[in-house]
Amino acid sequence: EGEGALAPPPAARPPPARGPRPRPPARPRPRR
């Protein structure tokens, strides 16, 4: 009955932090 039931409140899902994105997890470099 409420619109809030369909989607979580904005407080639950904060917008993506602006600025430099965090470095991706270091993955092992493929051997050549």
N, C-alpha and C. Protein backbone atom coordinates (compact mmCIF):
# COMPACT_ATOMS: atom_id res chain seq x y z
N GLU A 1 0.83 -1.20 0.00
CA GLU A 1 0.00 0.00 0.00
C GLU A 1 0.86 1.25 0.00
N GLY A 2 2.09 1.12 0.51
CA GLY A 2 2.97 2.30 0.57
C GLY A 2 4.08 2.18 -0.46
N GLU A 3 4.51 3.30 -1.00
CA GLU A 3 5.58 3.25 -2.00
C GLU A 3 6.89 2.79 -1.36
N GLY A 4 7.04 3.05 -0.07
CA GLY A 4 8.28 2.68 0.62
C GLY A 4 8.44 1.16 0.70
N ALA A 5 7.32 0.43 0.56
CA ALA A 5 7.40 -1.02 0.66
C ALA A 5 8.06 -1.61 -0.58
N LEU A 6 7.90 -0.93 -1.71
CA LEU A 6 8.47 -1.46 -2.96
C LEU A 6 9.98 -1.31 -2.97
N ALA A 7 10.45 -0.13 -2.59
CA ALA A 7 11.90 0.12 -2.61
C ALA A 7 12.35 0.55 -1.22
N PRO A 8 13.58 0.16 -0.84
CA PRO A 8 14.08 0.55 0.48
C PRO A 8 14.25 2.05 0.56
N PRO A 9 14.13 2.62 1.74
CA PRO A 9 14.29 4.07 1.90
C PRO A 9 15.68 4.50 1.47
N PRO A 10 15.83 5.74 1.02
CA PRO A 10 17.13 6.23 0.57
C PRO A 10 18.20 6.08 1.65
N ALA A 11 17.78 6.10 2.90
CA ALA A 11 18.75 6.00 4.00
C ALA A 11 19.38 4.61 4.01
N ALA A 12 18.61 3.60 3.58
CA ALA A 12 19.12 2.23 3.60
C ALA A 12 20.20 2.05 2.53
N ARG A 13 20.00 2.71 1.37
CA ARG A 13 20.98 2.57 0.30
C ARG A 13 21.56 3.93 -0.05
N PRO A 14 22.62 4.34 0.63
CA PRO A 14 23.22 5.65 0.37
C PRO A 14 23.76 5.69 -1.05
N PRO A 15 23.75 6.86 -1.68
CA PRO A 15 24.27 6.99 -3.04
C PRO A 15 25.75 6.67 -3.08
N PRO A 16 26.27 6.25 -4.22
CA PRO A 16 27.70 5.92 -4.32
C PRO A 16 28.55 7.12 -3.96
N ALA A 17 29.57 6.90 -3.17
CA ALA A 17 30.42 8.01 -2.76
C ALA A 17 31.13 8.59 -3.98
N ARG A 18 31.10 9.92 -4.10
CA ARG A 18 31.77 10.53 -5.25
C ARG A 18 33.26 10.67 -4.98
N GLY A 19 34.03 10.76 -6.06
CA GLY A 19 35.47 10.90 -5.87
C GLY A 19 36.19 9.70 -6.45
N PRO A 20 37.46 9.55 -6.12
CA PRO A 20 38.24 8.43 -6.66
C PRO A 20 37.64 7.10 -6.23
N ARG A 21 37.43 6.22 -7.19
CA ARG A 21 36.85 4.92 -6.84
C ARG A 21 37.90 4.06 -6.15
N PRO A 22 37.47 3.23 -5.19
CA PRO A 22 38.43 2.36 -4.49
C PRO A 22 39.09 1.41 -5.47
N ARG A 23 40.35 1.07 -5.21
CA ARG A 23 41.06 0.17 -6.13
C ARG A 23 40.39 -1.20 -6.12
N PRO A 24 40.28 -1.83 -7.28
CA PRO A 24 39.69 -3.18 -7.32
C PRO A 24 40.59 -4.16 -6.59
N PRO A 25 40.06 -5.28 -6.15
CA PRO A 25 40.89 -6.27 -5.44
C PRO A 25 42.06 -6.70 -6.31
N ALA A 26 43.23 -6.77 -5.71
CA ALA A 26 44.42 -7.16 -6.49
C ALA A 26 44.26 -8.59 -6.99
N ARG A 27 44.31 -8.76 -8.31
CA ARG A 27 44.20 -10.13 -8.82
C ARG A 27 45.56 -10.61 -9.29
N PRO A 28 45.81 -11.89 -9.20
CA PRO A 28 47.09 -12.43 -9.67
C PRO A 28 47.24 -12.19 -11.16
N ARG A 29 48.40 -11.67 -11.58
CA ARG A 29 48.59 -11.41 -13.02
C ARG A 29 48.72 -12.73 -13.77
N PRO A 30 48.03 -12.85 -14.89
CA PRO A 30 48.13 -14.11 -15.67
C PRO A 30 49.55 -14.31 -16.19
N ARG A 31 50.06 -15.53 -16.05
CA ARG A 31 51.42 -15.78 -16.55
C ARG A 31 51.41 -15.85 -18.06
N ARG A 32 52.46 -15.32 -18.68
CA ARG A 32 52.51 -15.39 -20.15
C ARG A 32 53.54 -16.41 -20.57
